[in-house]
Amino acid sequence: MKFYLPFVLAGASLLAGCKGINNEASEKLDENDKQIQAYIASNNLAPTKSPSGLYYQLKNTIPTARAPKEAELVSYTRVISQLNNKVVGDTTNKIFKGYFGYTTGPLAVHEGLSYMKEGESSVLLSPYSIAFGMDAIKDTLGNVLLPAYAPVRFDLKLIKTRNESEQIQDYIAENKLQVTGSTTDNLNYIRLKEGTGSTIAAGKAVVVKYVGKLVTGAVFDKSDSFSFTVGVTSLVSGFTQGVQKMKVGEKAIIIFPSALGYGVNGRRDGYGQYVIYPSVPLIFELEVLSAN
């Protein structure tokens, strides 16, 4: 077998470059660990080190409290500091919300929350690899808030964790919605404006305006004019059920669990990224424009 020298040299150069990057990353992790250990000693901490390199220590424990489960909506506070105790952005009074295991920020935060229960607080000391990576974090003016490869301290408090049914009830209460009706499979219908004529039956060609949201308020889909045939077009069952409760001209909000939506698989885009996370309830703001 023949090898052409330019390609051999190019391959060797690429391997050498990758080896150099890996060596630098390893050196930075070792450096981070030494910085973290020095910080622990100077601040009289006694954390546990996990296999990922995260050091964690609970400030308080509530053994009987509830721990988060995958895909539950967790509410928590988070303060980020450098190891010189300089706070990175003031988020002291901000409540973060995320789907546990999917949208709770850096890997260090997700791991830290996994060791906690409702009402508990913790200190996390994280290497750059599971915090903010190898790039510096800058503000809008270009000022460096967190240097590249920096180890980070997170101060967390887990406020609450909510399953699907609780998320739906919390959303209804927080938005002061009056439920018009509900089904045994937990589809909640909130009529905002009465329509005219008969409710929409299977086989009808319908045009609707809609906005699809998560309980966090994030919009995942919308249309000003979506056409489909009820019971023929393949849609999530919660959407179809909701439309069949409506009349032409009617406006409503429907809220339903993942069992009537995208289930335990969620929905991904063409790049494999989640558009809708597994096991999360969905909200649709609907208006029926026509039905024939």
C-alpha atoms as a PDB file:
ATOM      1  CA  MET A   1       0.000   0.000   0.000  1.00  0.00           C
ATOM      2  CA  LYS A   2       1.338   3.424  -0.953  1.00  0.00           C
ATOM      3  CA  PHE A   3       1.017   6.543   1.208  1.00  0.00           C
ATOM      4  CA  TYR A   4       1.497   9.972  -0.282  1.00  0.00           C
ATOM      5  CA  LEU A   5       3.877  12.003   1.853  1.00  0.00           C
ATOM      6  CA  PRO A   6       1.797  15.244   1.964  1.00  0.00           C
ATOM      7  CA  PHE A   7      -1.203  13.349   3.383  1.00  0.00           C
ATOM      8  CA  VAL A   8       0.964  11.443   5.867  1.00  0.00           C
ATOM      9  CA  LEU A   9       2.477  14.707   7.079  1.00  0.00           C
ATOM     10  CA  ALA A  10      -0.928  16.374   7.238  1.00  0.00           C
ATOM     11  CA  GLY A  11      -2.308  13.459   9.266  1.00  0.00           C
ATOM     12  CA  ALA A  12       0.649  13.532  11.615  1.00  0.00           C
ATOM     13  CA  SER A  13       0.236  17.272  12.049  1.00  0.00           C
ATOM     14  CA  LEU A  14      -3.482  16.844  12.841  1.00  0.00           C
ATOM     15  CA  LEU A  15      -2.771  14.133  15.406  1.00  0.00           C
ATOM     16  CA  ALA A  16      -0.085  16.251  16.972  1.00  0.00           C
ATOM     17  CA  GLY A  17      -2.498  19.180  17.126  1.00  0.00           C
ATOM     18  CA  CYS A  18      -5.175  17.045  18.809  1.00  0.00           C
ATOM     19  CA  LYS A  19      -2.608  15.690  21.246  1.00  0.00           C
ATOM     20  CA  GLY A  20      -1.549  19.238  22.041  1.00  0.00           C
ATOM     21  CA  ILE A  21      -5.140  20.289  22.708  1.00  0.00           C
ATOM     22  CA  ASN A  22      -5.740  17.242  24.915  1.00  0.00           C
ATOM     23  CA  ASN A  23      -2.536  17.902  26.852  1.00  0.00           C
ATOM     24  CA  GLU A  24      -3.551  21.522  27.423  1.00  0.00           C
ATOM     25  CA  ALA A  25      -7.011  20.493  28.602  1.00  0.00           C
ATOM     26  CA  SER A  26      -5.524  17.930  30.986  1.00  0.00           C
ATOM     27  CA  GLU A  27      -3.053  20.478  32.341  1.00  0.00           C
ATOM     28  CA  LYS A  28      -5.852  23.011  32.875  1.00  0.00           C
ATOM     29  CA  LEU A  29      -7.935  20.424  34.741  1.00  0.00           C
ATOM     30  CA  ASP A  30      -4.990  19.604  36.997  1.00  0.00           C
ATOM     31  CA  GLU A  31      -4.451  23.311  37.579  1.00  0.00           C
ATOM     32  CA  ASN A  32      -8.169  23.782  38.340  1.00  0.00           C
ATOM     33  CA  ASP A  33      -8.097  20.952  40.866  1.00  0.00           C
ATOM     34  CA  LYS A  34      -5.146  22.491  42.695  1.00  0.00           C
ATOM     35  CA  GLN A  35      -6.900  25.873  42.763  1.00  0.00           C
ATOM     36  CA  ILE A  36     -10.066  24.275  44.126  1.00  0.00           C
ATOM     37  CA  GLN A  37      -8.194  22.361  46.813  1.00  0.00           C
ATOM     38  CA  ALA A  38      -6.398  25.546  47.898  1.00  0.00           C
ATOM     39  CA  TYR A  39      -9.768  27.343  48.043  1.00  0.00           C
ATOM     40  CA  ILE A  40     -11.246  24.531  50.151  1.00  0.00           C
ATOM     41  CA  ALA A  41      -8.375  24.742  52.626  1.00  0.00           C
ATOM     42  CA  SER A  42      -8.495  28.522  52.947  1.00  0.00           C
ATOM     43  CA  ASN A  43     -12.284  28.559  53.437  1.00  0.00           C
ATOM     44  CA  ASN A  44     -12.503  25.599  55.859  1.00  0.00           C
ATOM     45  CA  LEU A  45     -14.825  23.618  53.585  1.00  0.00           C
ATOM     46  CA  ALA A  46     -15.271  19.849  53.663  1.00  0.00           C
ATOM     47  CA  PRO A  47     -16.837  18.903  50.320  1.00  0.00           C
ATOM     48  CA  THR A  48     -17.167  15.549  48.604  1.00  0.00           C
ATOM     49  CA  LYS A  49     -15.485  15.065  45.237  1.00  0.00           C
ATOM     50  CA  SER A  50     -17.454  13.271  42.540  1.00  0.00           C
ATOM     51  CA  PRO A  51     -16.000  11.278  39.599  1.00  0.00           C
ATOM     52  CA  SER A  52     -16.650  14.253  37.300  1.00  0.00           C
ATOM     53  CA  GLY A  53     -14.282  16.429  39.335  1.00  0.00           C
ATOM     54  CA  LEU A  54     -17.085  18.392  41.023  1.00  0.00           C
ATOM     55  CA  TYR A  55     -16.707  19.195  44.724  1.00  0.00           C
ATOM     56  CA  TYR A  56     -20.048  19.594  46.491  1.00  0.00           C
ATOM     57  CA  GLN A  57     -21.122  20.346  50.050  1.00  0.00           C
ATOM     58  CA  LEU A  58     -24.639  20.773  51.413  1.00  0.00           C
ATOM     59  CA  LYS A  59     -25.162  23.796  53.656  1.00  0.00           C
ATOM     60  CA  ASN A  60     -28.255  22.206  55.209  1.00  0.00           C
ATOM     61  CA  THR A  61     -30.048  18.884  54.902  1.00  0.00           C
ATOM     62  CA  ILE A  62     -33.755  18.025  54.919  1.00  0.00           C
ATOM     63  CA  PRO A  63     -33.832  14.200  54.729  1.00  0.00           C
ATOM     64  CA  THR A  64     -37.614  13.956  54.362  1.00  0.00           C
ATOM     65  CA  ALA A  65     -37.839  16.527  51.565  1.00  0.00           C
ATOM     66  CA  ARG A  66     -38.473  15.705  47.937  1.00  0.00           C
ATOM     67  CA  ALA A  67     -35.662  15.162  45.407  1.00  0.00           C
ATOM     68  CA  PRO A  68     -36.050  16.101  41.727  1.00  0.00           C
ATOM     69  CA  LYS A  69     -36.766  13.447  39.106  1.00  0.00           C
ATOM     70  CA  GLU A  70     -35.869  13.502  35.428  1.00  0.00           C
ATOM     71  CA  ALA A  71     -37.888  16.030  33.378  1.00  0.00           C
ATOM     72  CA  GLU A  72     -39.535  17.593  36.439  1.00  0.00           C
ATOM     73  CA  LEU A  73     -39.560  21.381  36.475  1.00  0.00           C
ATOM     74  CA  VAL A  74     -37.117  22.600  39.106  1.00  0.00           C
ATOM     75  CA  SER A  75     -36.986  26.128  40.510  1.00  0.00           C
ATOM     76  CA  TYR A  76     -33.712  27.205  42.093  1.00  0.00           C
ATOM     77  CA  THR A  77     -31.459  30.145  42.845  1.00  0.00           C
ATOM     78  CA  ARG A  78     -27.898  30.271  41.560  1.00  0.00           C
ATOM     79  CA  VAL A  79     -24.992  32.590  42.349  1.00  0.00           C
ATOM     80  CA  ILE A  80     -21.750  32.200  40.377  1.00  0.00           C
ATOM     81  CA  SER A  81     -18.398  33.305  41.775  1.00  0.00           C
ATOM     82  CA  GLN A  82     -14.767  33.074  40.834  1.00  0.00           C
ATOM     83  CA  LEU A  83     -12.509  31.483  43.423  1.00  0.00           C
ATOM     84  CA  ASN A  84     -11.421  34.966  44.499  1.00  0.00           C
ATOM     85  CA  ASN A  85     -15.074  35.319  45.667  1.00  0.00           C
ATOM     86  CA  LYS A  86     -15.851  37.860  42.936  1.00  0.00           C
ATOM     87  CA  VAL A  87     -19.484  37.352  41.893  1.00  0.00           C
ATOM     88  CA  VAL A  88     -20.046  36.816  38.161  1.00  0.00           C
ATOM     89  CA  GLY A  89     -23.193  38.805  37.417  1.00  0.00           C
ATOM     90  CA  ASP A  90     -25.677  39.549  40.181  1.00  0.00           C
ATOM     91  CA  THR A  91     -28.340  36.809  40.145  1.00  0.00           C
ATOM     92  CA  THR A  92     -28.886  36.708  43.911  1.00  0.00           C
ATOM     93  CA  ASN A  93     -32.648  37.259  43.755  1.00  0.00           C
ATOM     94  CA  LYS A  94     -33.312  35.576  40.412  1.00  0.00           C
ATOM     95  CA  ILE A  95     -35.224  32.305  40.340  1.00  0.00           C
ATOM     96  CA  PHE A  96     -34.134  29.953  37.569  1.00  0.00           C
ATOM     97  CA  LYS A  97     -36.435  27.285  36.160  1.00  0.00           C
ATOM     98  CA  GLY A  98     -35.439  24.289  34.104  1.00  0.00           C
ATOM     99  CA  TYR A  99     -36.413  20.756  33.214  1.00  0.00           C
ATOM    100  CA  PHE A 100     -34.238  18.541  35.368  1.00  0.00           C
ATOM    101  CA  GLY A 101     -31.748  16.737  33.171  1.00  0.00           C
ATOM    102  CA  TYR A 102     -32.359  18.961  30.146  1.00  0.00           C
ATOM    103  CA  THR A 103     -32.325  22.708  30.808  1.00  0.00           C
ATOM    104  CA  THR A 104     -30.684  23.295  34.182  1.00  0.00           C
ATOM    105  CA  GLY A 105     -27.609  25.040  32.773  1.00  0.00           C
ATOM    106  CA  PRO A 106     -24.018  23.809  33.074  1.00  0.00           C
ATOM    107  CA  LEU A 107     -23.415  20.138  33.844  1.00  0.00           C
ATOM    108  CA  ALA A 108     -22.082  21.096  37.261  1.00  0.00           C
ATOM    109  CA  VAL A 109     -25.444  22.667  38.165  1.00  0.00           C
ATOM    110  CA  HIS A 110     -27.409  19.618  37.026  1.00  0.00           C
ATOM    111  CA  GLU A 111     -25.114  17.329  38.995  1.00  0.00           C
ATOM    112  CA  GLY A 112     -25.293  19.571  42.047  1.00  0.00           C
ATOM    113  CA  LEU A 113     -29.103  19.616  41.952  1.00  0.00           C
ATOM    114  CA  SER A 114     -29.092  15.813  41.788  1.00  0.00           C
ATOM    115  CA  TYR A 115     -27.560  15.720  45.277  1.00  0.00           C
ATOM    116  CA  MET A 116     -30.192  18.078  46.700  1.00  0.00           C
ATOM    117  CA  LYS A 117     -33.763  18.068  47.976  1.00  0.00           C
ATOM    118  CA  GLU A 118     -36.341  20.849  48.206  1.00  0.00           C
ATOM    119  CA  GLY A 119     -35.260  23.557  50.626  1.00  0.00           C
ATOM    120  CA  GLU A 120     -31.604  22.511  50.648  1.00  0.00           C
ATOM    121  CA  SER A 121     -28.661  24.746  49.709  1.00  0.00           C
ATOM    122  CA  SER A 122     -25.232  23.735  48.525  1.00  0.00           C
ATOM    123  CA  VAL A 123     -21.777  24.947  47.518  1.00  0.00           C
ATOM    124  CA  LEU A 124     -20.337  23.556  44.303  1.00  0.00           C
ATOM    125  CA  LEU A 125     -16.729  23.963  43.232  1.00  0.00           C
ATOM    126  CA  SER A 126     -16.414  23.064  39.593  1.00  0.00           C
ATOM    127  CA  PRO A 127     -13.581  22.655  37.087  1.00  0.00           C
ATOM    128  CA  TYR A 128     -13.994  24.547  33.835  1.00  0.00           C
ATOM    129  CA  SER A 129     -14.903  21.355  31.924  1.00  0.00           C
ATOM    130  CA  ILE A 130     -18.366  21.032  33.531  1.00  0.00           C
ATOM    131  CA  ALA A 131     -18.888  24.758  34.167  1.00  0.00           C
ATOM    132  CA  PHE A 132     -18.399  27.262  31.332  1.00  0.00           C
ATOM    133  CA  GLY A 133     -15.711  25.577  29.258  1.00  0.00           C
ATOM    134  CA  MET A 134     -12.558  26.947  27.711  1.00  0.00           C
ATOM    135  CA  ASP A 135     -13.917  30.321  26.566  1.00  0.00           C
ATOM    136  CA  ALA A 136     -13.994  33.518  28.598  1.00  0.00           C
ATOM    137  CA  ILE A 137     -17.386  34.964  29.526  1.00  0.00           C
ATOM    138  CA  LYS A 138     -17.740  38.640  28.665  1.00  0.00           C
ATOM    139  CA  ASP A 139     -20.395  41.287  29.191  1.00  0.00           C
ATOM    140  CA  THR A 140     -21.948  43.327  26.383  1.00  0.00           C
ATOM    141  CA  LEU A 141     -19.054  45.818  26.558  1.00  0.00           C
ATOM    142  CA  GLY A 142     -16.443  43.112  26.154  1.00  0.00           C
ATOM    143  CA  ASN A 143     -15.328  43.117  29.783  1.00  0.00           C
ATOM    144  CA  VAL A 144     -14.234  39.686  31.010  1.00  0.00           C
ATOM    145  CA  LEU A 145     -16.549  38.382  33.730  1.00  0.00           C
ATOM    146  CA  LEU A 146     -14.997  34.922  33.885  1.00  0.00           C
ATOM    147  CA  PRO A 147     -11.581  34.061  32.401  1.00  0.00           C
ATOM    148  CA  ALA A 148     -11.106  31.128  30.047  1.00  0.00           C
ATOM    149  CA  TYR A 149     -10.540  27.755  31.747  1.00  0.00           C
ATOM    150  CA  ALA A 150     -11.648  29.207  35.088  1.00  0.00           C
ATOM    151  CA  PRO A 151     -12.846  27.032  37.982  1.00  0.00           C
ATOM    152  CA  VAL A 152     -16.140  28.275  39.405  1.00  0.00           C
ATOM    153  CA  ARG A 153     -18.091  28.344  42.659  1.00  0.00           C
ATOM    154  CA  PHE A 154     -21.870  27.868  42.434  1.00  0.00           C
ATOM    155  CA  ASP A 155     -24.135  28.582  45.404  1.00  0.00           C
ATOM    156  CA  LEU A 156     -27.439  26.799  44.806  1.00  0.00           C
ATOM    157  CA  LYS A 157     -30.758  26.564  46.597  1.00  0.00           C
ATOM    158  CA  LEU A 158     -33.394  24.119  45.342  1.00  0.00           C
ATOM    159  CA  ILE A 159     -36.730  25.815  45.915  1.00  0.00           C
ATOM    160  CA  LYS A 160     -39.124  23.260  44.483  1.00  0.00           C
ATOM    161  CA  THR A 161     -39.542  20.458  41.963  1.00  0.00           C
ATOM    162  CA  ARG A 162     -42.821  19.804  40.135  1.00  0.00           C
ATOM    163  CA  ASN A 163     -44.160  16.848  38.156  1.00  0.00           C
ATOM    164  CA  GLU A 164     -46.413  17.284  35.117  1.00  0.00           C
ATOM    165  CA  SER A 165     -49.716  17.469  36.956  1.00  0.00           C
ATOM    166  CA  GLU A 166     -48.307  19.987  39.430  1.00  0.00           C
ATOM    167  CA  GLN A 167     -46.843  22.073  36.609  1.00  0.00           C
ATOM    168  CA  ILE A 168     -50.259  22.297  34.965  1.00  0.00           C
ATOM    169  CA  GLN A 169     -51.987  23.295  38.202  1.00  0.00           C
ATOM    170  CA  ASP A 170     -49.251  25.835  39.042  1.00  0.00           C
ATOM    171  CA  TYR A 171     -49.543  27.399  35.580  1.00  0.00           C
ATOM    172  CA  ILE A 172     -53.314  27.727  35.873  1.00  0.00           C
ATOM    173  CA  ALA A 173     -53.057  29.284  39.349  1.00  0.00           C
ATOM    174  CA  GLU A 174     -50.145  31.620  38.577  1.00  0.00           C
ATOM    175  CA  ASN A 175     -51.884  32.941  35.443  1.00  0.00           C
ATOM    176  CA  LYS A 176     -55.271  33.186  37.177  1.00  0.00           C
ATOM    177  CA  LEU A 177     -57.003  31.106  34.502  1.00  0.00           C
ATOM    178  CA  GLN A 178     -60.591  29.894  34.885  1.00  0.00           C
ATOM    179  CA  VAL A 179     -60.873  26.309  33.623  1.00  0.00           C
ATOM    180  CA  THR A 180     -63.994  25.829  31.511  1.00  0.00           C
ATOM    181  CA  GLY A 181     -63.698  22.050  31.513  1.00  0.00           C
ATOM    182  CA  SER A 182     -61.282  19.180  31.906  1.00  0.00           C
ATOM    183  CA  THR A 183     -61.071  15.537  30.852  1.00  0.00           C
ATOM    184  CA  THR A 184     -60.171  12.379  32.732  1.00  0.00           C
ATOM    185  CA  ASP A 185     -56.767  12.372  30.999  1.00  0.00           C
ATOM    186  CA  ASN A 186     -56.061  15.885  32.371  1.00  0.00           C
ATOM    187  CA  LEU A 187     -56.673  18.058  29.326  1.00  0.00           C
ATOM    188  CA  ASN A 188     -57.708  21.472  30.665  1.00  0.00           C
ATOM    189  CA  TYR A 189     -59.798  23.788  28.491  1.00  0.00           C
ATOM    190  CA  ILE A 190     -59.994  27.533  29.170  1.00  0.00           C
ATOM    191  CA  ARG A 191     -62.443  29.398  26.936  1.00  0.00           C
ATOM    192  CA  LEU A 192     -61.430  32.999  26.301  1.00  0.00           C
ATOM    193  CA  LYS A 193     -64.043  33.923  23.685  1.00  0.00           C
ATOM    194  CA  GLU A 194     -67.266  32.091  22.764  1.00  0.00           C
ATOM    195  CA  GLY A 195     -67.627  30.913  19.155  1.00  0.00           C
ATOM    196  CA  THR A 196     -70.700  30.382  17.000  1.00  0.00           C
ATOM    197  CA  GLY A 197     -72.416  27.311  15.570  1.00  0.00           C
ATOM    198  CA  SER A 198     -71.681  23.709  16.472  1.00  0.00           C
ATOM    199  CA  THR A 199     -68.521  22.307  17.968  1.00  0.00           C
ATOM    200  CA  ILE A 200     -66.055  21.004  15.398  1.00  0.00           C
ATOM    201  CA  ALA A 201     -66.553  17.366  14.464  1.00  0.00           C
ATOM    202  CA  ALA A 202     -64.181  14.788  13.010  1.00  0.00           C
ATOM    203  CA  GLY A 203     -63.748  15.134   9.240  1.00  0.00           C
ATOM    204  CA  LYS A 204     -64.022  18.928   9.232  1.00  0.00           C
ATOM    205  CA  ALA A 205     -61.387  20.952   7.354  1.00  0.00           C
ATOM    206  CA  VAL A 206     -60.275  23.522   9.886  1.00  0.00           C
ATOM    207  CA  VAL A 207     -58.049  26.595   9.842  1.00  0.00           C
ATOM    208  CA  VAL A 208     -56.665  27.717  13.206  1.00  0.00           C
ATOM    209  CA  LYS A 209     -54.289  30.295  14.579  1.00  0.00           C
ATOM    210  CA  TYR A 210     -52.151  28.984  17.419  1.00  0.00           C
ATOM    211  CA  VAL A 211     -49.143  29.475  19.657  1.00  0.00           C
ATOM    212  CA  GLY A 212     -47.546  26.429  21.319  1.00  0.00           C
ATOM    213  CA  LYS A 213     -45.691  26.992  24.596  1.00  0.00           C
ATOM    214  CA  LEU A 214     -44.110  25.224  27.524  1.00  0.00           C
ATOM    215  CA  VAL A 215     -45.091  26.116  31.095  1.00  0.00           C
ATOM    216  CA  THR A 216     -41.828  28.097  31.301  1.00  0.00           C
ATOM    217  CA  GLY A 217     -43.249  30.455  28.670  1.00  0.00           C
ATOM    218  CA  ALA A 218     -40.872  29.276  25.935  1.00  0.00           C
ATOM    219  CA  VAL A 219     -42.613  29.227  22.521  1.00  0.00           C
ATOM    220  CA  PHE A 220     -41.855  26.109  20.466  1.00  0.00           C
ATOM    221  CA  ASP A 221     -44.240  26.626  17.527  1.00  0.00           C
ATOM    222  CA  LYS A 222     -46.821  29.033  16.130  1.00  0.00           C
ATOM    223  CA  SER A 223     -48.902  29.709  13.035  1.00  0.00           C
ATOM    224  CA  ASP A 224     -51.335  32.405  11.932  1.00  0.00           C
ATOM    225  CA  SER A 225     -53.102  30.026   9.557  1.00  0.00           C
ATOM    226  CA  PHE A 226     -52.724  26.279  10.065  1.00  0.00           C
ATOM    227  CA  SER A 227     -54.998  24.047   7.976  1.00  0.00           C
ATOM    228  CA  PHE A 228     -55.800  20.417   8.800  1.00  0.00           C
ATOM    229  CA  THR A 229     -58.598  17.873   8.722  1.00  0.00           C
ATOM    230  CA  VAL A 230     -59.809  16.808  12.156  1.00  0.00           C
ATOM    231  CA  GLY A 231     -59.193  13.126  12.799  1.00  0.00           C
ATOM    232  CA  VAL A 232     -57.325  12.691   9.500  1.00  0.00           C
ATOM    233  CA  THR A 233     -54.240  14.877   9.802  1.00  0.00           C
ATOM    234  CA  SER A 234     -51.719  13.287  12.191  1.00  0.00           C
ATOM    235  CA  LEU A 235     -51.418  15.592  15.191  1.00  0.00           C
ATOM    236  CA  VAL A 236     -50.815  15.094  18.898  1.00  0.00           C
ATOM    237  CA  SER A 237     -54.081  13.944  20.447  1.00  0.00           C
ATOM    238  CA  GLY A 238     -54.277  16.801  22.945  1.00  0.00           C
ATOM    239  CA  PHE A 239     -54.329  19.369  20.133  1.00  0.00           C
ATOM    240  CA  THR A 240     -57.085  17.515  18.257  1.00  0.00           C
ATOM    241  CA  GLN A 241     -59.150  17.024  21.425  1.00  0.00           C
ATOM    242  CA  GLY A 242     -58.878  20.707  22.234  1.00  0.00           C
ATOM    243  CA  VAL A 243     -59.985  21.855  18.775  1.00  0.00           C
ATOM    244  CA  GLN A 244     -63.000  19.530  18.924  1.00  0.00           C
ATOM    245  CA  LYS A 245     -64.238  21.436  21.966  1.00  0.00           C
ATOM    246  CA  MET A 246     -64.301  24.685  19.969  1.00  0.00           C
ATOM    247  CA  LYS A 247     -66.564  26.526  17.544  1.00  0.00           C
ATOM    248  CA  VAL A 248     -65.730  28.904  14.702  1.00  0.00           C
ATOM    249  CA  GLY A 249     -64.498  32.233  16.050  1.00  0.00           C
ATOM    250  CA  GLU A 250     -63.761  30.754  19.457  1.00  0.00           C
ATOM    251  CA  LYS A 251     -60.540  31.521  21.332  1.00  0.00           C
ATOM    252  CA  ALA A 252     -59.186  29.227  24.021  1.00  0.00           C
ATOM    253  CA  ILE A 253     -56.172  27.917  25.886  1.00  0.00           C
ATOM    254  CA  ILE A 254     -55.646  24.182  26.179  1.00  0.00           C
ATOM    255  CA  ILE A 255     -53.159  22.616  28.575  1.00  0.00           C
ATOM    256  CA  PHE A 256     -52.402  18.910  28.574  1.00  0.00           C
ATOM    257  CA  PRO A 257     -49.776  16.402  29.791  1.00  0.00           C
ATOM    258  CA  SER A 258     -47.139  14.720  27.654  1.00  0.00           C
ATOM    259  CA  ALA A 259     -49.277  11.573  27.382  1.00  0.00           C
ATOM    260  CA  LEU A 260     -51.466  13.625  24.999  1.00  0.00           C
ATOM    261  CA  GLY A 261     -48.416  15.298  23.445  1.00  0.00           C
ATOM    262  CA  TYR A 262     -44.952  14.008  22.627  1.00  0.00           C
ATOM    263  CA  GLY A 263     -44.647  11.550  25.513  1.00  0.00           C
ATOM    264  CA  VAL A 264     -41.365  10.265  26.887  1.00  0.00           C
ATOM    265  CA  ASN A 265     -39.513  10.864  23.602  1.00  0.00           C
ATOM    266  CA  GLY A 266     -40.153  14.572  23.187  1.00  0.00           C
ATOM    267  CA  ARG A 267     -39.608  16.191  19.803  1.00  0.00           C
ATOM    268  CA  ARG A 268     -36.305  17.055  18.141  1.00  0.00           C
ATOM    269  CA  ASP A 269     -35.402  19.325  15.246  1.00  0.00           C
ATOM    270  CA  GLY A 270     -33.382  18.314  12.183  1.00  0.00           C
ATOM    271  CA  TYR A 271     -30.145  18.780  14.126  1.00  0.00           C
ATOM    272  CA  GLY A 272     -31.186  16.410  16.896  1.00  0.00           C
ATOM    273  CA  GLN A 273     -31.816  19.216  19.411  1.00  0.00           C
ATOM    274  CA  TYR A 274     -34.910  19.079  21.588  1.00  0.00           C
ATOM    275  CA  VAL A 275     -37.714  21.417  20.539  1.00  0.00           C
ATOM    276  CA  ILE A 276     -39.989  19.828  23.136  1.00  0.00           C
ATOM    277  CA  TYR A 277     -38.414  17.981  26.034  1.00  0.00           C
ATOM    278  CA  PRO A 278     -39.527  14.488  27.064  1.00  0.00           C
ATOM    279  CA  SER A 279     -42.385  14.192  29.553  1.00  0.00           C
ATOM    280  CA  VAL A 280     -43.373  17.874  29.638  1.00  0.00           C
ATOM    281  CA  PRO A 281     -46.910  19.332  29.469  1.00  0.00           C
ATOM    282  CA  LEU A 282     -47.885  21.568  26.554  1.00  0.00           C
ATOM    283  CA  ILE A 283     -49.944  24.746  26.246  1.00  0.00           C
ATOM    284  CA  PHE A 284     -51.690  25.958  23.106  1.00  0.00           C
ATOM    285  CA  GLU A 285     -53.383  29.308  22.627  1.00  0.00           C
ATOM    286  CA  LEU A 286     -55.959  28.628  19.892  1.00  0.00           C
ATOM    287  CA  GLU A 287     -58.369  30.525  17.677  1.00  0.00           C
ATOM    288  CA  VAL A 288     -60.593  28.751  15.135  1.00  0.00           C
ATOM    289  CA  LEU A 289     -60.691  30.845  11.962  1.00  0.00           C
ATOM    290  CA  SER A 290     -62.887  28.576   9.840  1.00  0.00           C
ATOM    291  CA  ALA A 291     -64.325  25.063   9.591  1.00  0.00           C
ATOM    292  CA  ASN A 292     -65.897  23.399   6.553  1.00  0.00           C
END
